[in-house]
Protein backbone atom coordinates (compact mmCIF):
# COMPACT_ATOMS: atom_id res chain seq x y z
CA MET A 1 -2.70 15.28 25.44
CA ASN A 2 0.10 17.55 25.48
CA ALA A 3 2.37 17.46 22.15
CA THR A 4 5.23 17.58 23.79
CA ILE A 5 4.63 14.19 25.05
CA ILE A 6 3.55 13.33 21.49
CA LEU A 7 6.95 14.52 20.37
CA ALA A 8 8.92 12.83 22.70
CA VAL A 9 7.05 9.20 21.53
CA PHE A 10 8.18 10.45 17.90
CA VAL A 11 11.44 10.92 17.99
CA LEU A 12 11.96 7.73 20.84
CA TYR A 13 10.16 5.36 17.82
CA THR A 14 12.22 7.47 15.41
CA VAL A 15 15.78 6.40 17.45
CA LEU A 16 14.63 2.45 17.76
CA LEU A 17 14.23 2.59 13.70
CA PHE A 18 17.95 4.14 13.40
CA VAL A 19 19.44 1.42 15.65
CA ILE A 20 18.21 -1.32 13.68
CA SER A 21 18.97 0.39 10.69
CA HIS A 22 22.76 0.96 12.60
CA PHE A 23 23.11 -3.17 12.57
CA THR A 24 21.25 -3.85 9.45
CA ALA A 25 23.10 -1.48 7.03
CA ARG A 26 26.69 -2.48 8.32
CA LYS A 27 28.92 -3.48 5.36
CA SER A 28 26.04 -3.23 2.82
CA ASP A 29 26.95 -3.20 -0.62
CA ASN A 30 24.56 -2.45 -3.64
CA ASN A 31 23.53 -6.41 -3.29
CA ALA A 32 22.30 -5.57 -0.32
CA PHE A 33 20.68 -2.26 -0.90
CA PHE A 34 18.48 -4.19 -4.31
CA ARG A 35 18.21 -7.54 -3.30
CA GLY A 36 18.60 -8.21 0.79
CA ASN A 37 22.18 -10.04 -0.62
CA LYS A 38 19.47 -12.45 -1.04
CA ASN A 39 19.43 -14.05 2.79
CA SER A 40 15.71 -12.81 3.91
CA PRO A 41 14.13 -15.16 6.52
CA TRP A 42 10.51 -15.91 5.54
CA PHE A 43 9.08 -15.57 8.49
CA VAL A 44 10.45 -12.21 8.98
CA VAL A 45 9.19 -11.29 5.36
CA ALA A 46 6.31 -12.40 5.74
CA TYR A 47 5.17 -10.54 9.32
CA GLY A 48 6.54 -7.59 7.77
CA MET A 49 4.83 -7.66 4.99
CA ILE A 50 1.15 -7.00 6.81
CA GLY A 51 3.09 -3.62 8.14
CA ALA A 52 3.71 -2.81 4.52
CA SER A 53 0.71 -3.69 3.11
CA LEU A 54 -1.74 -2.14 6.22
CA SER A 55 -0.19 1.65 6.25
CA GLY A 56 -1.46 4.40 7.69
CA VAL A 57 -4.21 4.62 5.40
CA THR A 58 -5.55 1.02 6.38
CA PHE A 59 -4.39 2.10 10.16
CA MET A 60 -7.44 4.83 10.16
CA SER A 61 -9.25 4.66 7.40
CA VAL A 62 -10.08 0.87 7.82
CA PRO A 63 -11.49 1.28 11.64
CA GLY A 64 -13.25 4.64 10.92
CA GLY A 65 -14.63 3.14 7.59
CA VAL A 66 -17.39 0.97 9.51
CA TYR A 67 -19.22 4.34 10.10
CA THR A 68 -20.55 4.12 6.83
CA GLY A 69 -19.52 0.99 4.89
CA GLN A 70 -20.07 -1.32 8.24
CA PHE A 71 -18.10 -4.98 7.25
CA THR A 72 -18.35 -4.30 3.46
CA TYR A 73 -14.65 -4.30 3.33
CA LEU A 74 -14.79 -7.83 4.60
CA PRO A 75 -15.04 -9.55 0.71
CA LEU A 76 -12.36 -7.37 -0.36
CA VAL A 77 -10.26 -8.83 1.94
CA PHE A 78 -11.38 -12.43 1.33
CA GLY A 79 -10.28 -11.80 -2.52
CA TYR A 80 -6.64 -10.52 -1.23
CA VAL A 81 -6.12 -14.01 -0.42
CA LEU A 82 -7.24 -15.62 -3.92
CA GLY A 83 -4.85 -12.30 -5.65
CA TYR A 84 -1.92 -14.26 -3.09
CA ALA A 85 -2.51 -17.57 -4.51
CA VAL A 86 -2.32 -15.98 -7.86
CA ILE A 87 1.44 -14.73 -6.91
CA ALA A 88 2.58 -17.95 -5.36
CA LEU A 89 1.67 -20.40 -7.91
CA ILE A 90 2.24 -17.86 -11.18
CA LEU A 91 4.38 -14.57 -10.62
CA LEU A 92 7.12 -15.62 -8.19
CA PRO A 93 8.33 -18.66 -9.91
CA LEU A 94 8.61 -16.61 -13.19
CA TYR A 95 10.72 -13.84 -11.08
CA TYR A 96 13.05 -16.54 -9.68
CA ARG A 97 13.52 -18.05 -12.84
CA LEU A 98 14.35 -14.95 -14.32
CA ASN A 99 16.37 -14.21 -11.41
CA LEU A 100 14.68 -9.79 -11.48
CA THR A 101 15.96 -7.39 -9.77
CA SER A 102 13.40 -5.14 -10.90
CA ILE A 103 10.17 -7.35 -12.10
CA TYR A 104 9.97 -4.86 -14.73
CA THR A 105 12.84 -6.50 -16.82
CA TYR A 106 10.19 -9.01 -17.71
CA LEU A 107 8.26 -6.77 -20.00
CA ASN A 108 11.35 -6.04 -21.82
CA MET A 109 12.10 -9.69 -22.28
CA ARG A 110 8.78 -10.44 -23.56
CA PHE A 111 7.79 -7.47 -25.76
CA GLY A 112 10.78 -4.71 -25.97
CA PRO A 113 12.16 -1.49 -24.41
CA ARG A 114 9.70 0.55 -24.39
CA SER A 115 7.29 -1.85 -22.85
CA GLU A 116 9.77 -1.78 -20.09
CA LYS A 117 10.17 1.76 -18.96
CA THR A 118 5.87 1.88 -19.95
CA GLY A 119 5.64 -0.68 -16.55
CA ALA A 120 8.27 1.03 -14.80
CA ALA A 121 6.68 4.34 -15.18
CA PHE A 122 3.29 3.29 -14.31
CA PHE A 123 5.00 1.55 -10.98
CA ILE A 124 6.63 5.11 -10.06
CA LEU A 125 3.29 6.86 -10.79
CA SER A 126 1.67 4.78 -8.79
CA ARG A 127 3.15 4.58 -6.00
CA LEU A 128 4.19 8.10 -5.44
CA LEU A 129 0.69 9.08 -5.60
CA GLY A 130 -0.20 5.86 -3.61
CA SER A 131 2.36 6.00 -0.93
CA ALA A 132 2.62 9.73 -0.44
CA LEU A 133 -1.04 9.72 -0.22
CA ARG A 134 -0.59 6.70 3.05
CA MET A 135 2.15 9.08 4.77
CA TYR A 136 0.18 12.38 4.23
CA LEU A 137 -2.40 10.76 6.81
CA VAL A 138 0.42 10.20 9.07
CA VAL A 139 1.63 13.57 8.65
CA PHE A 140 -1.60 15.34 8.98
CA VAL A 141 -2.36 13.66 12.57
CA LEU A 142 0.75 14.73 14.03
CA TYR A 143 0.48 18.49 12.33
CA GLU A 144 -3.57 18.29 13.80
CA PHE A 145 -2.28 17.16 16.92
CA VAL A 146 0.82 18.63 17.76
CA PHE A 147 2.56 21.17 15.34
CA LYS A 148 -0.40 22.80 14.89
CA ASN A 149 -0.49 23.79 18.24
CA TRP A 150 3.24 25.34 18.10
CA SER A 151 1.76 27.46 14.72
CA ILE A 152 4.10 25.78 12.45
CA PRO A 153 2.94 25.17 8.96
CA PHE A 154 2.01 21.70 7.72
CA TRP A 155 5.12 21.56 5.36
CA VAL A 156 7.60 21.16 8.04
CA PRO A 157 6.51 17.66 10.02
CA ALA A 158 6.28 16.78 6.19
CA VAL A 159 10.28 17.60 5.42
CA ILE A 160 10.86 15.89 9.07
CA PHE A 161 9.31 12.20 7.97
CA ILE A 162 10.98 12.23 4.45
CA ALA A 163 14.17 13.47 5.99
CA ILE A 164 14.14 10.09 8.62
CA ILE A 165 12.93 7.92 5.61
CA LEU A 166 16.04 9.03 3.82
CA LEU A 167 18.55 8.56 6.44
CA TYR A 168 17.81 5.12 7.72
CA THR A 169 17.51 3.82 4.07
CA PHE A 170 20.19 5.38 2.70
CA LYS A 171 22.80 2.57 3.27
CA GLY A 172 21.52 -0.60 3.74
CA GLY A 173 18.24 -0.55 0.99
CA ILE A 174 15.63 -3.14 1.06
CA LYS A 175 18.16 -5.41 3.49
CA THR A 176 17.15 -2.40 6.18
CA VAL A 177 13.49 -2.19 5.34
CA VAL A 178 13.30 -6.09 5.57
CA TRP A 179 13.80 -5.82 9.54
CA THR A 180 12.45 -2.79 10.44
CA ASP A 181 9.02 -3.72 8.74
CA THR A 182 8.72 -6.14 11.68
CA LEU A 183 9.06 -3.45 14.26
CA GLN A 184 6.46 -1.43 12.24
CA THR A 185 4.21 -4.41 12.10
CA THR A 186 4.32 -5.02 16.12
CA PHE A 187 3.95 -1.44 17.27
CA LEU A 188 0.79 -0.84 14.39
CA LEU A 189 -1.40 -4.23 15.45
CA LEU A 190 -0.31 -3.26 19.26
CA ALA A 191 -1.93 -0.18 18.78
CA ALA A 192 -5.20 -1.48 17.22
CA PHE A 193 -5.46 -4.36 19.98
CA LEU A 194 -4.58 -2.06 22.66
CA THR A 195 -7.35 0.50 21.73
CA ALA A 196 -10.16 -2.06 21.27
CA PHE A 197 -9.26 -3.46 24.58
CA PHE A 198 -9.17 -0.04 26.58
CA ILE A 199 -12.78 0.63 25.13
CA LEU A 200 -14.11 -2.74 26.10
CA ARG A 201 -12.83 -2.05 29.50
CA ASN A 202 -14.46 1.16 29.89
CA LEU A 203 -17.57 -0.02 28.69
CA HIS A 204 -17.75 -2.91 31.08
CA ILE A 205 -18.46 -5.11 28.00
CA SER A 206 -16.94 -8.59 26.02
CA LEU A 207 -16.36 -8.39 22.67
CA GLY A 208 -19.11 -11.11 21.73
CA ASP A 209 -21.18 -8.44 23.04
CA LEU A 210 -20.19 -5.22 21.74
CA LEU A 211 -20.26 -7.00 18.04
CA LYS A 212 -23.53 -8.15 18.76
CA SER A 213 -24.81 -4.78 19.46
CA ALA A 214 -23.45 -3.37 16.54
CA SER A 215 -24.61 -6.14 14.52
CA GLU A 216 -28.24 -5.55 15.81
CA LYS A 217 -27.40 -1.31 14.62
CA GLY A 218 -26.32 -2.64 11.48
CA TYR A 219 -22.29 -2.03 11.69
CA THR A 220 -21.29 -5.78 11.26
CA LYS A 221 -23.15 -6.02 7.11
CA VAL A 222 -20.55 -8.26 5.54
CA PHE A 223 -22.27 -8.41 2.10
CA GLU A 224 -24.21 -5.76 0.19
CA THR A 225 -26.08 -7.76 -2.18
CA ASP A 226 -27.57 -4.61 -4.08
CA TRP A 227 -26.08 -5.43 -7.72
CA THR A 228 -25.91 -2.29 -8.67
CA HIS A 229 -23.84 -0.73 -5.37
CA ASN A 230 -20.06 0.09 -5.53
CA LYS A 231 -19.75 -2.41 -2.61
CA PHE A 232 -22.01 -5.27 -4.21
CA TRP A 233 -20.27 -8.58 -2.41
CA VAL A 234 -19.41 -9.99 -6.21
CA LYS A 235 -17.49 -7.02 -7.35
CA GLN A 236 -15.63 -6.55 -3.76
CA LEU A 237 -14.26 -10.14 -3.83
CA LEU A 238 -12.74 -10.01 -7.65
CA SER A 239 -11.69 -6.28 -7.04
CA GLY A 240 -9.66 -7.77 -4.07
CA MET A 241 -8.53 -10.27 -5.87
CA PHE A 242 -6.66 -8.28 -8.61
CA ILE A 243 -5.81 -5.28 -6.37
CA THR A 244 -3.80 -7.94 -4.75
CA ILE A 245 -2.48 -9.55 -7.67
CA THR A 246 -1.59 -5.47 -9.17
CA MET A 247 -0.78 -3.77 -6.25
CA THR A 248 1.81 -6.39 -4.41
CA GLY A 249 2.43 -9.37 -7.54
CA LEU A 250 3.07 -6.60 -10.40
CA ASP A 251 4.60 -4.05 -7.63
CA GLN A 252 8.17 -3.34 -7.67
CA ASP A 253 7.89 -2.68 -3.71
CA MET A 254 6.10 -5.22 -2.23
CA MET A 255 7.76 -7.84 -4.49
CA GLN A 256 11.68 -6.72 -3.84
CA LYS A 257 11.11 -7.60 -0.48
CA ASN A 258 9.81 -11.19 -1.50
CA LEU A 259 12.61 -11.68 -3.76
CA THR A 260 15.16 -11.11 -0.26
CA CYS A 261 13.94 -14.06 0.32
CA ARG A 262 17.02 -17.39 -0.18
CA ASN A 263 14.60 -19.50 -2.64
CA LEU A 264 11.28 -19.56 -4.52
CA ARG A 265 9.81 -21.98 -1.92
CA ASP A 266 10.54 -19.41 0.80
CA ALA A 267 9.31 -17.03 -1.25
CA GLN A 268 5.97 -18.44 -1.94
CA LYS A 269 5.66 -19.17 2.13
CA ASN A 270 6.30 -16.12 2.96
CA VAL A 271 3.52 -14.77 0.49
CA MET A 272 0.51 -17.69 1.78
CA THR A 273 1.00 -16.79 5.57
CA SER A 274 0.82 -13.13 4.86
CA SER A 275 -2.12 -13.57 3.49
CA LEU A 276 -4.00 -15.61 6.15
CA LEU A 277 -2.47 -13.42 8.28
CA PHE A 278 -3.81 -10.17 6.50
CA VAL A 279 -7.09 -11.56 6.47
CA VAL A 280 -6.66 -11.99 10.63
CA VAL A 281 -5.32 -8.16 10.89
CA ASN A 282 -8.34 -6.36 9.35
CA VAL A 283 -10.69 -8.40 11.16
CA LEU A 284 -9.33 -6.60 14.00
CA PHE A 285 -9.27 -3.63 12.33
CA LEU A 286 -12.87 -3.70 12.02
CA CYS A 287 -14.27 -4.88 15.05
CA LEU A 288 -11.78 -1.58 16.48
CA GLY A 289 -13.99 0.01 14.22
CA ALA A 290 -17.02 -1.38 15.42
CA ALA A 291 -15.99 -0.95 19.46
CA LEU A 292 -14.80 3.31 18.05
CA ILE A 293 -18.64 3.69 16.75
CA TYR A 294 -20.10 1.50 19.74
CA TYR A 295 -18.15 3.55 22.63
CA ALA A 296 -19.36 7.47 20.82
CA GLN A 297 -22.79 5.83 21.08
CA VAL A 298 -22.96 4.55 24.58
CA THR A 299 -21.11 7.72 25.90
CA GLY A 300 -22.48 10.57 23.68
CA PHE A 301 -18.73 10.91 22.29
CA GLN A 302 -19.01 14.11 20.08
CA LEU A 303 -17.82 12.04 16.35
CA PRO A 304 -15.27 14.70 14.74
CA VAL A 305 -16.93 16.75 11.64
CA ASN A 306 -15.71 18.74 8.49
CA GLU A 307 -17.65 22.30 7.89
CA ALA A 308 -20.09 20.86 6.89
CA GLY A 309 -21.26 18.82 9.82
CA VAL A 310 -20.10 15.24 7.88
CA VAL A 311 -18.71 13.21 10.19
CA VAL A 312 -14.64 12.58 8.89
CA ASN A 313 -13.99 8.73 9.43
CA ASP A 314 -10.65 8.90 8.92
CA LYS A 315 -10.49 11.07 12.41
CA ILE A 316 -12.79 8.90 14.20
CA PHE A 317 -9.98 6.49 15.17
CA PRO A 318 -7.34 9.20 16.37
CA SER A 319 -10.19 11.52 18.19
CA VAL A 320 -11.74 8.42 20.46
CA ALA A 321 -8.05 6.97 21.13
CA PHE A 322 -7.04 10.52 22.33
CA SER A 323 -9.47 11.34 24.64
CA LEU A 324 -9.83 7.80 26.32
CA SER A 325 -6.08 8.37 28.22
CA LYS A 326 -2.94 9.30 27.34
CA PHE A 327 -1.44 5.80 26.84
CA THR A 328 -3.98 5.16 24.21
CA ALA A 329 -3.12 8.53 23.02
CA VAL A 330 0.75 7.08 22.91
CA VAL A 331 -0.09 3.95 21.96
CA PHE A 332 -2.34 5.74 19.02
CA ILE A 333 0.34 7.72 17.73
CA ILE A 334 2.82 4.92 17.76
CA GLY A 335 1.18 3.01 15.80
CA LEU A 336 0.71 5.52 13.45
CA VAL A 337 4.40 6.51 12.73
CA ALA A 338 4.71 2.61 12.74
CA ALA A 339 2.20 2.51 9.80
CA GLY A 340 3.87 5.59 8.29
CA TYR A 341 6.84 4.41 8.07
CA SER A 342 6.18 0.96 6.55
CA SER A 343 4.45 1.99 4.04
CA ALA A 344 7.25 4.86 2.87
CA ASP A 345 10.87 3.03 3.43
CA GLY A 346 10.10 0.36 1.01
CA THR A 347 8.28 2.71 -1.23
CA LEU A 348 11.45 5.24 -1.59
CA THR A 349 13.68 1.70 -2.00
CA ALA A 350 11.74 0.23 -4.88
CA LEU A 351 11.43 3.82 -6.67
CA THR A 352 15.23 3.95 -6.74
CA THR A 353 15.38 0.36 -8.08
CA THR A 354 12.98 0.59 -10.25
CA PHE A 355 14.60 3.67 -12.03
CA CYS A 356 18.21 2.25 -11.54
CA PHE A 357 17.27 -0.64 -13.57
CA ASP A 358 14.79 -0.21 -15.88
CA PHE A 359 15.61 3.57 -16.81
CA MET A 360 19.37 3.69 -16.58
CA HIS A 361 19.87 -0.29 -16.63
CA PHE A 362 22.69 -0.59 -13.93
CA ASP A 363 22.28 -4.61 -14.92
CA LYS A 364 23.92 -4.03 -18.30
CA LYS A 365 26.37 -1.07 -17.92
CA GLN A 366 30.05 -1.78 -17.51
CA MET A 367 30.00 0.69 -13.97
CA THR A 368 32.11 0.24 -10.71
CA GLU A 369 30.58 -0.56 -7.72
CA ASP A 370 31.80 3.09 -6.42
CA GLN A 371 29.59 4.39 -9.34
CA ILE A 372 26.48 2.66 -9.07
CA THR A 373 26.24 3.76 -5.24
CA LYS A 374 27.06 7.51 -6.51
CA TYR A 375 24.35 7.51 -8.44
CA ARG A 376 21.62 5.41 -6.30
CA LYS A 377 22.33 7.98 -3.79
CA TRP A 378 21.56 10.62 -6.10
CA ILE A 379 17.98 8.92 -7.02
CA HIS A 380 17.36 7.93 -3.64
CA VAL A 381 17.35 11.57 -2.97
CA ALA A 382 15.53 12.62 -5.84
CA PHE A 383 12.76 10.48 -5.35
CA ALA A 384 12.44 11.60 -1.53
CA LEU A 385 12.22 15.25 -2.84
CA LEU A 386 9.16 14.14 -5.00
CA TYR A 387 7.64 12.19 -2.44
CA LEU A 388 7.39 15.25 -0.07
CA LEU A 389 6.36 17.63 -3.14
CA VAL A 390 3.25 15.52 -3.29
CA ILE A 391 2.61 15.41 0.11
CA ILE A 392 2.55 19.08 0.35
CA ALA A 393 0.41 19.72 -2.61
CA PHE A 394 -2.66 17.29 -1.29
CA ARG A 395 -3.09 19.25 1.61
CA PRO A 396 -5.49 21.37 0.34
CA PHE A 397 -7.34 17.92 -0.85
CA HIS A 398 -8.18 15.71 2.22
CA ASN A 399 -12.20 16.17 2.38
CA GLU A 400 -12.81 12.22 2.68
CA SER A 401 -11.96 8.69 3.10
CA LEU A 402 -8.21 8.04 1.65
CA ILE A 403 -8.14 4.79 1.71
CA ASP A 404 -10.99 4.97 -1.39
CA LYS A 405 -8.56 7.50 -3.28
CA VAL A 406 -5.62 5.03 -2.82
CA PHE A 407 -7.45 2.32 -4.10
CA ASP A 408 -9.40 4.38 -7.24
CA ILE A 409 -5.34 5.49 -7.83
CA ALA A 410 -4.24 1.54 -8.47
CA GLY A 411 -7.66 0.80 -10.55
CA TYR A 412 -5.95 3.81 -13.39
CA THR A 413 -2.13 2.94 -12.64
CA TYR A 414 -2.02 -0.75 -12.01
CA GLY A 415 -4.96 -1.49 -15.16
CA PRO A 416 -2.27 -1.21 -17.85
CA LEU A 417 0.24 -3.35 -15.97
CA LEU A 418 -2.11 -5.96 -14.90
CA GLY A 419 -3.09 -5.95 -19.15
CA LEU A 420 0.73 -6.34 -19.98
CA TYR A 421 1.57 -9.24 -17.73
CA SER A 422 -1.70 -11.23 -18.47
CA PHE A 423 -0.69 -10.90 -21.95
CA GLY A 424 2.86 -11.48 -21.91
CA LEU A 425 1.94 -14.30 -19.52
CA PHE A 426 -0.65 -16.08 -21.42
CA VAL A 427 -0.58 -15.61 -25.11
CA LYS A 428 2.56 -17.22 -26.17
CA ASN A 429 1.98 -17.13 -29.87
CA ARG A 430 2.07 -13.29 -30.42
CA LYS A 431 4.43 -10.46 -30.75
CA VAL A 432 3.08 -7.04 -29.25
CA LEU A 433 4.08 -3.91 -31.42
CA ASP A 434 6.61 -2.54 -28.85
CA LYS A 435 6.20 1.31 -29.55
CA ALA A 436 2.28 1.08 -29.25
CA VAL A 437 2.60 0.20 -25.50
CA PRO A 438 2.86 3.33 -24.37
CA TYR A 439 -0.25 5.10 -26.20
CA ILE A 440 -2.16 2.10 -25.20
CA ALA A 441 -1.01 1.96 -21.22
CA ILE A 442 -2.15 6.05 -21.87
CA ALA A 443 -5.44 5.30 -23.57
CA SER A 444 -7.25 2.75 -21.48
CA PRO A 445 -6.99 4.23 -18.09
CA ILE A 446 -8.53 7.58 -19.27
CA ILE A 447 -11.56 5.21 -21.09
CA SER A 448 -11.94 3.50 -17.84
CA TYR A 449 -12.44 6.80 -15.73
CA PHE A 450 -15.08 8.11 -18.63
CA LEU A 451 -16.87 4.57 -18.14
CA LYS A 452 -16.03 4.59 -14.15
CA MET A 453 -18.21 8.17 -14.51
CA TYR A 454 -20.93 7.67 -16.84
CA SER A 455 -21.32 3.56 -15.36
CA PRO A 456 -24.95 4.65 -14.07
CA GLN A 457 -26.27 6.11 -17.62
CA LEU A 458 -24.56 3.39 -19.63
CA PHE A 459 -25.23 0.19 -17.20
CA GLY A 460 -28.49 1.06 -15.80
CA GLY A 461 -28.04 1.95 -12.76
CA TYR A 462 -24.37 0.18 -12.08
CA LYS A 463 -22.00 2.04 -10.83
CA ILE A 464 -18.48 0.92 -11.21
CA GLY A 465 -16.09 0.48 -7.96
CA PHE A 466 -13.27 -0.92 -7.57
CA GLU A 467 -13.13 -3.39 -10.56
CA ILE A 468 -12.52 -1.03 -12.58
CA LEU A 469 -8.76 -2.11 -12.56
CA ILE A 470 -10.51 -5.36 -14.29
CA ILE A 471 -11.92 -3.22 -16.70
CA ASN A 472 -9.07 -1.10 -17.17
CA GLY A 473 -6.78 -4.33 -17.46
CA LEU A 474 -8.76 -5.67 -20.08
CA MET A 475 -9.04 -2.72 -22.04
CA THR A 476 -4.96 -3.39 -22.22
CA PHE A 477 -5.14 -6.34 -23.17
CA LEU A 478 -7.01 -6.30 -26.16
CA ALA A 479 -5.44 -3.15 -27.13
CA LEU A 480 -1.95 -5.40 -27.23
CA LEU A 481 -3.94 -8.26 -29.08
CA LEU A 482 -4.85 -5.63 -31.58
CA PHE A 483 -1.53 -3.84 -32.25
CA SER A 484 0.49 -7.70 -32.32
CA ARG A 485 1.02 -10.22 -34.89
CA LYS A 486 1.17 -13.86 -34.65
CA GLU A 487 4.74 -15.46 -35.23
CA LYS A 488 5.96 -18.89 -34.49
CA SER A 489 7.50 -18.69 -31.13
CA ALA A 490 7.59 -15.92 -28.31
CA THR A 491 10.05 -15.20 -25.77
CA GLU A 492 9.54 -15.68 -22.28
């Protein structure tokens, strides 16, 4: 497909985003930037969260991952529903009762200032890495199919993407993100649906017949029953639950959107609706993956491989989409760009919010509206630059499916948050030594890393997978118990 057409599609979609930004950011102040004026319709947030949760990694890695992992990703998705229930019933009531802007302020209330900064720092680290990798995948595809043809270096599209996101979130912040995410979700889902539709039409086969044929070839296997396998279904289910609790419920990016709802009830309706939609959407992406692989087998299409001749999962979707027709190529690019924007705009806003409230304590200092605006804008720009550096730095290391890398990062960086919040919520009569918390939060991921690395030797062939998050959180919890003392009452 002509690179100029792809670029034109990208530009037109970006213009549409700026139109939305223009209307949502009018008369915006700091309250709109950080809290969305507490006026977001719950159903708009619920729909937009689908795009924010999926990201460019899910958009490409989940369909491509069917080639090696079949449908074993699905038990992880079922676990997500359980995690969303915990968020709706336990975490959201806490956040709304305390009227939080940054959710890590709770750690200060419960443990002390060092705990707050530790939690915020781990969120910043995790989101900078995880979200930048999601964004990297979008930049990577545009580079491969557009900018590379013009001998333009990789860092150029990276700079363009980050600059665009910075500009359209600069004034409206979370208020703008809530509405742009609805546009991103629409185009992301449309891209997956239309690609699958055109594959089925080209092959003159129904979805049911395709899935039947894919099942006969072993591509629709859902439950891995080998307990030593890193995708054993029980591990996937539990991991999905705790991944959602941490990567959504303990994540400022995702919770900041929820906290813009008018009240707790609306926020709970939003979360539970999102969980059910998320299952449907992931089933769609897995079916798309089966369609892509079946299409390649029937037509003889050569799946993309790396220098060693190994199929690159993340390139399967774009390769097939670009081979089908110009229309499917355009649809794919729009979907990918939508996924990239959706995973990055809220993150950039959340990083700014966390730093402003957990490190600079805007809510506790006597500052004018103009002073807050000035500092907030500089912090926003600084995080955009850090975001850019991570994307560029990762370029030499992209040699496998990124969705596994994203979850690996989450397992190590969100584990301490899981331990901290679990202890704070469920252990009421003990006071933690606040100054010990940073050391505990650093030690737990390091120990977890070595446990995972040597798990087959230590546990009779058992391979630790995504459940490293649970192990990491448990170690943090036990260490907090060790460095705590009993007291008559604890402030929540």
